Structure formats: C-alpha cells, structure tokens
Amino acid sequence: MWCDLDAGRVFVATGGVPFDPARPVVLLVHGAGADHSVWALQSRGLARRGCAVLACDLPGHGRSGGTAPATIAAVADRLAELLAAVGAARATVVGHSMGALAALDLAARHPDRVGGLVLLGAAARMPVHPDLLAAARDDLPRAAAMIAAWGHGGGAGGVPGLYPPALTRRLVEASPPGALAAGLAACDAYDGTEAAARVRAPTLLLLGGADRMSPAKAGQALAGLIPGARVTRLEGAGHMLMADRPEAVLDALLTR
C-alpha cells in the first residue's frame, strides 16, 4: 500500500494481508541502502499469524519517493509520522542496523508510539569503516560488494536455493542514488547511549554471533543500557540476520 508523508509518498508492504490497525501492529524497518524486501519471510509469517504488518520503504529507498533522511532522528520522525498516518496508535517496532538505531530513537523520543522494541544487528555506536563510507559515496558497486562480503555469516541457514550474499549485493547495487551513503553517514554520526537509557518499552536484541559489521559484543553492551532488555544470540549469523537465519528471526518475533 501507499502512504503520503511530508517527506513524500512511501511504499509499505503488508505481508500479503490487508492492513488492519485493530490487529497487533508490527513495523519492520530496513537498514541503509535496503528496502522492505529484506523482511520478505518475516512479514508474511507475521501477517499470517494475526499481525498487522508495516514493512516500509523509507523515503528515498526502494519504491518510495523523497530523499533519504540524513540523520537517525529524521528516520525516527518519519516512522512516527507513518504510524499516525495509518491510524496505528502503537506498534512493536522491529529495526535492522540503521533501522534499529531509528527504532531505538523512536522509542526514546516517541514512547507513546512504541509498545515493544526488537533490535537486530544494533549497537549504541555503529561506526562505519572509512573505506565503506567512501565507496558508498563514489562507487556503489564496490560498496555493495563490501557489504555482501562483510554482512553474512556461515553455516546452515538462509533459504534453500538462494545465496544470501548475492541477493544483498544486488539489492544494494539497485538502491536509489545517495540512499546508501546517507544511511551509512547517519549511522556513523549517531550515538544511541542516551536514547537507550530512556527506552521503557519491552526490548529484545537479536544479535548475530558472526556479525562483523556490528559485533555481538557491542549489541550486548547496548542491551545493558536499556532497562530490562533481553538478548537472543544467533550463532553463525552475520549482520544480515533476516537472510542468514530467516526462520529463527521469525520465531523470535512471534515469541518476543
């Protein structure tokens, strides 16, 4: 479905089931240079189990119009605006990477909108390697190759017949101009330490044991800053947990 925000028209996938704000709302937020498709298995699984799913393309990403937000706070504000626009009083907000920082910021500054929080591949500080920042600005195919190489773990997992690193590379290569660079710069500049201390929503962190982009140790430290936060560590999973361990992520969302 489509939703008109101040930043432009955004596309929102609903997991193949018409959105109904009377059902438990789950907002799925992708990372830098990605789009709603990273949640393909989880969005359908949640929708078929009674949830009202909002898997959005952030402004300037995927099928959405507008410009990619330049700061994490701006992403969070767009999420609050989206929930208001679709008539959702509160939601469980699930974010990955940049989307996790935005979900954290949303929960700290718009607590009335967040009934639950799930953070994947997150840390209070997520500095981005200078080579990746430069490639995102000047050489998108190279940046996509770096993310595909660094973003996945090994071992069993994923969807049979598909190779997650190749899917990640194609997705990032196809991202709108400037989207990846803006998102990575926003992550690099953000410090979620203060926001974490202000979160009051029940919080779960899903961490990849083989995450090289946001190591599990840093995620564990973030959990220590959020009152009452719980941690589930998926061994062998890299930063792209939804692709490396799709069913384990869905199970965690259903039993949070």
C-alpha atoms as a PDB file:
ATOM      1  CA  MET A   1       0.000   0.000   0.000  1.00  0.00           C
ATOM      2  CA  TRP A   2       0.999   3.649  -0.312  1.00  0.00           C
ATOM      3  CA  CYS A   3       1.102   6.340   2.325  1.00  0.00           C
ATOM      4  CA  ASP A   4       1.621  10.085   1.883  1.00  0.00           C
ATOM      5  CA  LEU A   5       4.051  11.665   4.338  1.00  0.00           C
ATOM      6  CA  ASP A   6       5.506  15.160   4.489  1.00  0.00           C
ATOM      7  CA  ALA A   7       8.739  13.714   3.054  1.00  0.00           C
ATOM      8  CA  GLY A   8       6.907  12.192   0.077  1.00  0.00           C
ATOM      9  CA  ARG A   9       4.923   9.118  -0.853  1.00  0.00           C
ATOM     10  CA  VAL A  10       6.192   5.900   0.708  1.00  0.00           C
ATOM     11  CA  PHE A  11       5.518   2.273  -0.124  1.00  0.00           C
ATOM     12  CA  VAL A  12       4.556  -0.121   2.661  1.00  0.00           C
ATOM     13  CA  ALA A  13       4.289  -3.898   2.254  1.00  0.00           C
ATOM     14  CA  THR A  14       1.753  -5.640   4.481  1.00  0.00           C
ATOM     15  CA  GLY A  15       2.821  -9.272   4.161  1.00  0.00           C
ATOM     16  CA  GLY A  16       0.129 -10.116   1.644  1.00  0.00           C
ATOM     17  CA  VAL A  17      -2.703  -9.408   4.100  1.00  0.00           C
ATOM     18  CA  PRO A  18      -4.644  -6.106   4.064  1.00  0.00           C
ATOM     19  CA  PHE A  19      -3.524  -3.819   6.857  1.00  0.00           C
ATOM     20  CA  ASP A  20      -5.906  -3.611   9.809  1.00  0.00           C
ATOM     21  CA  PRO A  21      -4.850  -1.286  12.666  1.00  0.00           C
ATOM     22  CA  ALA A  22      -7.173  -3.149  15.012  1.00  0.00           C
ATOM     23  CA  ARG A  23      -4.744  -6.090  14.946  1.00  0.00           C
ATOM     24  CA  PRO A  24      -1.362  -6.023  16.752  1.00  0.00           C
ATOM     25  CA  VAL A  25       0.777  -3.731  14.592  1.00  0.00           C
ATOM     26  CA  VAL A  26       4.376  -4.656  13.744  1.00  0.00           C
ATOM     27  CA  LEU A  27       6.516  -2.050  11.970  1.00  0.00           C
ATOM     28  CA  LEU A  28       9.564  -3.515  10.181  1.00  0.00           C
ATOM     29  CA  VAL A  29      12.371  -1.037   9.410  1.00  0.00           C
ATOM     30  CA  HIS A  30      15.189  -1.884   6.997  1.00  0.00           C
ATOM     31  CA  GLY A  31      18.797  -0.716   7.049  1.00  0.00           C
ATOM     32  CA  ALA A  32      20.821   1.650   4.863  1.00  0.00           C
ATOM     33  CA  GLY A  33      20.531   1.044   1.129  1.00  0.00           C
ATOM     34  CA  ALA A  34      17.912  -1.683   1.590  1.00  0.00           C
ATOM     35  CA  ASP A  35      14.115  -1.840   1.292  1.00  0.00           C
ATOM     36  CA  HIS A  36      11.082  -3.752   2.566  1.00  0.00           C
ATOM     37  CA  SER A  37      12.107  -6.930   0.722  1.00  0.00           C
ATOM     38  CA  VAL A  38      14.712  -7.818   3.368  1.00  0.00           C
ATOM     39  CA  TRP A  39      11.753  -8.779   5.581  1.00  0.00           C
ATOM     40  CA  ALA A  40      10.056 -10.994   2.961  1.00  0.00           C
ATOM     41  CA  LEU A  41       9.774 -14.153   5.043  1.00  0.00           C
ATOM     42  CA  GLN A  42       9.162 -12.409   8.363  1.00  0.00           C
ATOM     43  CA  SER A  43       6.483 -10.037   7.043  1.00  0.00           C
ATOM     44  CA  ARG A  44       4.434 -12.858   5.535  1.00  0.00           C
ATOM     45  CA  GLY A  45       4.887 -15.060   8.566  1.00  0.00           C
ATOM     46  CA  LEU A  46       3.754 -12.332  10.941  1.00  0.00           C
ATOM     47  CA  ALA A  47       0.784 -11.350   8.764  1.00  0.00           C
ATOM     48  CA  ARG A  48      -0.446 -14.935   8.573  1.00  0.00           C
ATOM     49  CA  ARG A  49      -0.298 -15.222  12.342  1.00  0.00           C
ATOM     50  CA  GLY A  50      -2.586 -12.288  13.078  1.00  0.00           C
ATOM     51  CA  CYS A  51      -0.298  -9.272  12.986  1.00  0.00           C
ATOM     52  CA  ALA A  52      -0.904  -6.069  11.028  1.00  0.00           C
ATOM     53  CA  VAL A  53       2.415  -5.702   9.202  1.00  0.00           C
ATOM     54  CA  LEU A  54       4.029  -2.482   8.001  1.00  0.00           C
ATOM     55  CA  ALA A  55       7.277  -3.267   6.146  1.00  0.00           C
ATOM     56  CA  CYS A  56       8.112   0.173   4.826  1.00  0.00           C
ATOM     57  CA  ASP A  57      10.453   1.513   2.192  1.00  0.00           C
ATOM     58  CA  LEU A  58      11.917   4.546   3.941  1.00  0.00           C
ATOM     59  CA  PRO A  59      11.885   7.824   1.981  1.00  0.00           C
ATOM     60  CA  GLY A  60      14.462   7.719  -0.789  1.00  0.00           C
ATOM     61  CA  HIS A  61      14.636   3.904  -0.652  1.00  0.00           C
ATOM     62  CA  GLY A  62      13.010   1.137  -2.670  1.00  0.00           C
ATOM     63  CA  ARG A  63       9.764   2.246  -4.289  1.00  0.00           C
ATOM     64  CA  SER A  64       9.303   5.303  -2.066  1.00  0.00           C
ATOM     65  CA  GLY A  65       9.726   8.869  -3.209  1.00  0.00           C
ATOM     66  CA  GLY A  66      11.505  11.686  -1.458  1.00  0.00           C
ATOM     67  CA  THR A  67      15.084  11.895  -0.261  1.00  0.00           C
ATOM     68  CA  ALA A  68      16.853   9.517   2.095  1.00  0.00           C
ATOM     69  CA  PRO A  69      16.887  11.054   5.606  1.00  0.00           C
ATOM     70  CA  ALA A  70      20.263  12.452   6.616  1.00  0.00           C
ATOM     71  CA  THR A  71      20.036  11.644  10.336  1.00  0.00           C
ATOM     72  CA  ILE A  72      18.754   8.820  12.525  1.00  0.00           C
ATOM     73  CA  ALA A  73      16.403  11.260  14.271  1.00  0.00           C
ATOM     74  CA  ALA A  74      14.879  12.165  10.906  1.00  0.00           C
ATOM     75  CA  VAL A  75      14.255   8.479  10.143  1.00  0.00           C
ATOM     76  CA  ALA A  76      12.591   8.057  13.541  1.00  0.00           C
ATOM     77  CA  ASP A  77      10.354  11.057  12.917  1.00  0.00           C
ATOM     78  CA  ARG A  78       9.251   9.589   9.595  1.00  0.00           C
ATOM     79  CA  LEU A  79       8.346   6.343  11.371  1.00  0.00           C
ATOM     80  CA  ALA A  80       6.221   8.224  13.901  1.00  0.00           C
ATOM     81  CA  GLU A  81       4.527  10.038  11.045  1.00  0.00           C
ATOM     82  CA  LEU A  82       3.854   6.767   9.234  1.00  0.00           C
ATOM     83  CA  LEU A  83       2.214   5.181  12.271  1.00  0.00           C
ATOM     84  CA  ALA A  84      -0.024   8.217  12.707  1.00  0.00           C
ATOM     85  CA  ALA A  85      -0.922   8.234   9.013  1.00  0.00           C
ATOM     86  CA  VAL A  86      -2.128   4.609   9.007  1.00  0.00           C
ATOM     87  CA  GLY A  87      -4.083   5.012  12.249  1.00  0.00           C
ATOM     88  CA  ALA A  88      -1.826   2.846  14.404  1.00  0.00           C
ATOM     89  CA  ALA A  89      -1.763   4.144  17.971  1.00  0.00           C
ATOM     90  CA  ARG A  90       1.147   1.886  18.946  1.00  0.00           C
ATOM     91  CA  ALA A  91       3.330  -0.745  17.343  1.00  0.00           C
ATOM     92  CA  THR A  92       6.006  -3.256  18.031  1.00  0.00           C
ATOM     93  CA  VAL A  93       8.902  -1.687  16.134  1.00  0.00           C
ATOM     94  CA  VAL A  94      11.473  -4.046  14.633  1.00  0.00           C
ATOM     95  CA  GLY A  95      14.593  -2.489  13.135  1.00  0.00           C
ATOM     96  CA  HIS A  96      17.731  -3.787  11.461  1.00  0.00           C
ATOM     97  CA  SER A  97      21.056  -1.909  11.522  1.00  0.00           C
ATOM     98  CA  MET A  98      20.234   1.711  10.601  1.00  0.00           C
ATOM     99  CA  GLY A  99      16.590   0.781  11.112  1.00  0.00           C
ATOM    100  CA  ALA A 100      17.437  -0.481  14.597  1.00  0.00           C
ATOM    101  CA  LEU A 101      19.003   2.856  15.524  1.00  0.00           C
ATOM    102  CA  ALA A 102      15.901   4.626  14.201  1.00  0.00           C
ATOM    103  CA  ALA A 103      13.655   2.264  16.199  1.00  0.00           C
ATOM    104  CA  LEU A 104      15.722   2.986  19.324  1.00  0.00           C
ATOM    105  CA  ASP A 105      15.440   6.724  18.748  1.00  0.00           C
ATOM    106  CA  LEU A 106      11.705   6.426  18.105  1.00  0.00           C
ATOM    107  CA  ALA A 107      11.186   4.556  21.369  1.00  0.00           C
ATOM    108  CA  ALA A 108      13.149   7.198  23.293  1.00  0.00           C
ATOM    109  CA  ARG A 109      11.515  10.291  21.769  1.00  0.00           C
ATOM    110  CA  HIS A 110       8.040   8.981  20.863  1.00  0.00           C
ATOM    111  CA  PRO A 111       7.400   6.447  23.661  1.00  0.00           C
ATOM    112  CA  ASP A 112       3.639   6.574  23.172  1.00  0.00           C
ATOM    113  CA  ARG A 113       4.083   5.047  19.708  1.00  0.00           C
ATOM    114  CA  VAL A 114       6.180   2.025  20.755  1.00  0.00           C
ATOM    115  CA  GLY A 115       4.632  -0.913  22.582  1.00  0.00           C
ATOM    116  CA  GLY A 116       7.619  -3.186  22.025  1.00  0.00           C
ATOM    117  CA  LEU A 117      11.080  -2.952  20.514  1.00  0.00           C
ATOM    118  CA  VAL A 118      13.184  -5.529  18.644  1.00  0.00           C
ATOM    119  CA  LEU A 119      16.672  -4.518  17.523  1.00  0.00           C
ATOM    120  CA  LEU A 120      18.682  -6.609  15.040  1.00  0.00           C
ATOM    121  CA  GLY A 121      22.389  -6.070  14.419  1.00  0.00           C
ATOM    122  CA  ALA A 122      22.484  -2.977  16.620  1.00  0.00           C
ATOM    123  CA  ALA A 123      24.866  -1.170  18.958  1.00  0.00           C
ATOM    124  CA  ALA A 124      24.792   2.188  20.713  1.00  0.00           C
ATOM    125  CA  ARG A 125      27.538   3.377  18.376  1.00  0.00           C
ATOM    126  CA  MET A 126      27.828   1.918  14.874  1.00  0.00           C
ATOM    127  CA  PRO A 127      30.920   3.480  13.284  1.00  0.00           C
ATOM    128  CA  VAL A 128      31.249   2.703   9.589  1.00  0.00           C
ATOM    129  CA  HIS A 129      34.594   1.766   8.047  1.00  0.00           C
ATOM    130  CA  PRO A 130      36.002   4.777   6.137  1.00  0.00           C
ATOM    131  CA  ASP A 131      36.508   2.654   3.013  1.00  0.00           C
ATOM    132  CA  LEU A 132      32.821   1.713   3.007  1.00  0.00           C
ATOM    133  CA  LEU A 133      31.745   5.318   3.560  1.00  0.00           C
ATOM    134  CA  ALA A 134      33.890   6.412   0.607  1.00  0.00           C
ATOM    135  CA  ALA A 135      32.637   3.621  -1.642  1.00  0.00           C
ATOM    136  CA  ALA A 136      29.018   4.401  -0.770  1.00  0.00           C
ATOM    137  CA  ARG A 137      29.599   7.981  -1.916  1.00  0.00           C
ATOM    138  CA  ASP A 138      31.683   7.290  -5.024  1.00  0.00           C
ATOM    139  CA  ASP A 139      31.426   3.633  -6.136  1.00  0.00           C
ATOM    140  CA  LEU A 140      28.121   1.935  -5.294  1.00  0.00           C
ATOM    141  CA  PRO A 141      29.002  -1.467  -6.864  1.00  0.00           C
ATOM    142  CA  ARG A 142      32.152  -1.627  -4.731  1.00  0.00           C
ATOM    143  CA  ALA A 143      30.168  -0.685  -1.624  1.00  0.00           C
ATOM    144  CA  ALA A 144      27.611  -3.379  -2.419  1.00  0.00           C
ATOM    145  CA  ALA A 145      30.371  -5.963  -2.766  1.00  0.00           C
ATOM    146  CA  MET A 146      31.862  -4.942   0.576  1.00  0.00           C
ATOM    147  CA  ILE A 147      28.522  -5.205   2.370  1.00  0.00           C
ATOM    148  CA  ALA A 148      27.811  -8.591   0.790  1.00  0.00           C
ATOM    149  CA  ALA A 149      31.238  -9.859   1.854  1.00  0.00           C
ATOM    150  CA  TRP A 150      31.133  -8.474   5.387  1.00  0.00           C
ATOM    151  CA  GLY A 151      27.424  -8.812   6.110  1.00  0.00           C
ATOM    152  CA  HIS A 152      26.849 -12.568   6.174  1.00  0.00           C
ATOM    153  CA  GLY A 153      27.913 -15.416   8.427  1.00  0.00           C
ATOM    154  CA  GLY A 154      28.463 -19.024   7.519  1.00  0.00           C
ATOM    155  CA  GLY A 155      26.997 -22.394   8.338  1.00  0.00           C
ATOM    156  CA  ALA A 156      23.419 -23.552   7.901  1.00  0.00           C
ATOM    157  CA  GLY A 157      20.663 -21.048   7.355  1.00  0.00           C
ATOM    158  CA  GLY A 158      19.064 -18.933   4.703  1.00  0.00           C
ATOM    159  CA  VAL A 159      16.547 -20.082   2.112  1.00  0.00           C
ATOM    160  CA  PRO A 160      17.340 -23.264   0.132  1.00  0.00           C
ATOM    161  CA  GLY A 161      18.386 -22.491  -3.427  1.00  0.00           C
ATOM    162  CA  LEU A 162      19.294 -18.869  -2.686  1.00  0.00           C
ATOM    163  CA  TYR A 163      22.679 -17.359  -1.889  1.00  0.00           C
ATOM    164  CA  PRO A 164      22.172 -14.502   0.590  1.00  0.00           C
ATOM    165  CA  PRO A 165      25.391 -12.550  -0.205  1.00  0.00           C
ATOM    166  CA  ALA A 166      24.435 -12.366  -3.880  1.00  0.00           C
ATOM    167  CA  LEU A 167      20.949 -11.143  -3.001  1.00  0.00           C
ATOM    168  CA  THR A 168      22.397  -8.483  -0.702  1.00  0.00           C
ATOM    169  CA  ARG A 169      24.812  -7.316  -3.374  1.00  0.00           C
ATOM    170  CA  ARG A 170      22.061  -6.963  -5.988  1.00  0.00           C
ATOM    171  CA  LEU A 171      19.769  -5.159  -3.556  1.00  0.00           C
ATOM    172  CA  VAL A 172      22.382  -2.584  -2.566  1.00  0.00           C
ATOM    173  CA  GLU A 173      23.556  -2.075  -6.153  1.00  0.00           C
ATOM    174  CA  ALA A 174      19.966  -1.274  -7.144  1.00  0.00           C
ATOM    175  CA  SER A 175      19.403   1.231  -4.335  1.00  0.00           C
ATOM    176  CA  PRO A 176      18.481   4.794  -5.366  1.00  0.00           C
ATOM    177  CA  PRO A 177      21.380   7.231  -5.756  1.00  0.00           C
ATOM    178  CA  GLY A 178      22.603   8.546  -2.436  1.00  0.00           C
ATOM    179  CA  ALA A 179      20.459   6.280  -0.240  1.00  0.00           C
ATOM    180  CA  LEU A 180      23.275   4.057   0.998  1.00  0.00           C
ATOM    181  CA  ALA A 181      25.682   6.953   1.546  1.00  0.00           C
ATOM    182  CA  ALA A 182      23.095   8.929   3.527  1.00  0.00           C
ATOM    183  CA  GLY A 183      22.188   5.963   5.696  1.00  0.00           C
ATOM    184  CA  LEU A 184      25.744   4.943   6.479  1.00  0.00           C
ATOM    185  CA  ALA A 185      26.715   8.523   7.308  1.00  0.00           C
ATOM    186  CA  ALA A 186      23.699   8.767   9.628  1.00  0.00           C
ATOM    187  CA  CYS A 187      24.750   5.572  11.417  1.00  0.00           C
ATOM    188  CA  ASP A 188      28.338   6.757  11.709  1.00  0.00           C
ATOM    189  CA  ALA A 189      27.246  10.022  13.337  1.00  0.00           C
ATOM    190  CA  TYR A 190      24.687   8.637  15.794  1.00  0.00           C
ATOM    191  CA  ASP A 191      25.247   7.837  19.459  1.00  0.00           C
ATOM    192  CA  GLY A 192      22.331   5.952  20.973  1.00  0.00           C
ATOM    193  CA  THR A 193      23.657   5.836  24.529  1.00  0.00           C
ATOM    194  CA  GLU A 194      21.288   8.475  25.890  1.00  0.00           C
ATOM    195  CA  ALA A 195      18.341   7.172  23.879  1.00  0.00           C
ATOM    196  CA  ALA A 196      18.873   3.644  25.199  1.00  0.00           C
ATOM    197  CA  ALA A 197      18.592   4.797  28.811  1.00  0.00           C
ATOM    198  CA  ARG A 198      15.232   6.429  28.043  1.00  0.00           C
ATOM    199  CA  VAL A 199      13.583   3.365  26.492  1.00  0.00           C
ATOM    200  CA  ARG A 200      10.735   1.946  28.549  1.00  0.00           C
ATOM    201  CA  ALA A 201       9.197  -0.466  26.040  1.00  0.00           C
ATOM    202  CA  PRO A 202       9.931  -4.193  26.432  1.00  0.00           C
ATOM    203  CA  THR A 203      13.042  -4.736  24.309  1.00  0.00           C
ATOM    204  CA  LEU A 204      14.649  -7.739  22.616  1.00  0.00           C
ATOM    205  CA  LEU A 205      18.011  -7.623  20.849  1.00  0.00           C
ATOM    206  CA  LEU A 206      18.736 -10.237  18.174  1.00  0.00           C
ATOM    207  CA  LEU A 207      22.475 -10.481  17.637  1.00  0.00           C
ATOM    208  CA  GLY A 208      24.499 -12.404  15.084  1.00  0.00           C
ATOM    209  CA  GLY A 209      27.300 -14.429  16.594  1.00  0.00           C
ATOM    210  CA  ALA A 210      29.326 -13.938  13.382  1.00  0.00           C
ATOM    211  CA  ASP A 211      28.383 -10.273  12.805  1.00  0.00           C
ATOM    212  CA  ARG A 212      31.468  -8.410  11.540  1.00  0.00           C
ATOM    213  CA  MET A 213      29.702  -5.098  10.919  1.00  0.00           C
ATOM    214  CA  SER A 214      28.108  -4.686  14.358  1.00  0.00           C
ATOM    215  CA  PRO A 215      29.654  -7.338  16.608  1.00  0.00           C
ATOM    216  CA  ALA A 216      27.502  -9.147  19.142  1.00  0.00           C
ATOM    217  CA  LYS A 217      29.707  -7.824  21.955  1.00  0.00           C
ATOM    218  CA  ALA A 218      28.632  -4.274  21.094  1.00  0.00           C
ATOM    219  CA  GLY A 219      24.994  -5.346  20.943  1.00  0.00           C
ATOM    220  CA  GLN A 220      25.291  -6.946  24.345  1.00  0.00           C
ATOM    221  CA  ALA A 221      26.643  -3.657  25.689  1.00  0.00           C
ATOM    222  CA  LEU A 222      23.655  -1.828  24.210  1.00  0.00           C
ATOM    223  CA  ALA A 223      21.304  -4.266  25.946  1.00  0.00           C
ATOM    224  CA  GLY A 224      22.933  -3.332  29.236  1.00  0.00           C
ATOM    225  CA  LEU A 225      21.902   0.294  28.688  1.00  0.00           C
ATOM    226  CA  ILE A 226      18.205  -0.479  28.063  1.00  0.00           C
ATOM    227  CA  PRO A 227      16.189  -1.222  31.205  1.00  0.00           C
ATOM    228  CA  GLY A 228      15.044  -4.855  31.231  1.00  0.00           C
ATOM    229  CA  ALA A 229      16.319  -5.655  27.719  1.00  0.00           C
ATOM    230  CA  ARG A 230      16.694  -9.298  26.713  1.00  0.00           C
ATOM    231  CA  VAL A 231      19.211 -10.757  24.244  1.00  0.00           C
ATOM    232  CA  THR A 232      18.997 -13.669  21.824  1.00  0.00           C
ATOM    233  CA  ARG A 233      22.230 -14.560  20.058  1.00  0.00           C
ATOM    234  CA  LEU A 234      22.003 -16.445  16.759  1.00  0.00           C
ATOM    235  CA  GLU A 235      25.255 -18.321  16.394  1.00  0.00           C
ATOM    236  CA  GLY A 236      26.766 -18.330  12.915  1.00  0.00           C
ATOM    237  CA  ALA A 237      24.565 -15.473  11.712  1.00  0.00           C
ATOM    238  CA  GLY A 238      26.159 -12.346  10.305  1.00  0.00           C
ATOM    239  CA  HIS A 239      24.859  -8.796  10.198  1.00  0.00           C
ATOM    240  CA  MET A 240      22.079  -9.708   7.758  1.00  0.00           C
ATOM    241  CA  LEU A 241      20.290 -11.896  10.276  1.00  0.00           C
ATOM    242  CA  MET A 242      16.971 -11.895   8.412  1.00  0.00           C
ATOM    243  CA  ALA A 243      18.660 -13.591   5.446  1.00  0.00           C
ATOM    244  CA  ASP A 244      21.150 -15.768   7.342  1.00  0.00           C
ATOM    245  CA  ARG A 245      18.583 -17.093   9.844  1.00  0.00           C
ATOM    246  CA  PRO A 246      15.137 -16.168   8.447  1.00  0.00           C
ATOM    247  CA  GLU A 247      13.074 -18.704  10.371  1.00  0.00           C
ATOM    248  CA  ALA A 248      14.924 -18.146  13.652  1.00  0.00           C
ATOM    249  CA  VAL A 249      14.262 -14.415  13.338  1.00  0.00           C
ATOM    250  CA  LEU A 250      10.584 -15.029  12.627  1.00  0.00           C
ATOM    251  CA  ASP A 251      10.321 -17.382  15.608  1.00  0.00           C
ATOM    252  CA  ALA A 252      11.913 -14.749  17.847  1.00  0.00           C
ATOM    253  CA  LEU A 253       9.450 -12.104  16.656  1.00  0.00           C
ATOM    254  CA  LEU A 254       6.494 -14.386  17.253  1.00  0.00           C
ATOM    255  CA  THR A 255       7.596 -15.344  20.779  1.00  0.00           C
ATOM    256  CA  ARG A 256       9.069 -11.986  21.908  1.00  0.00           C
END
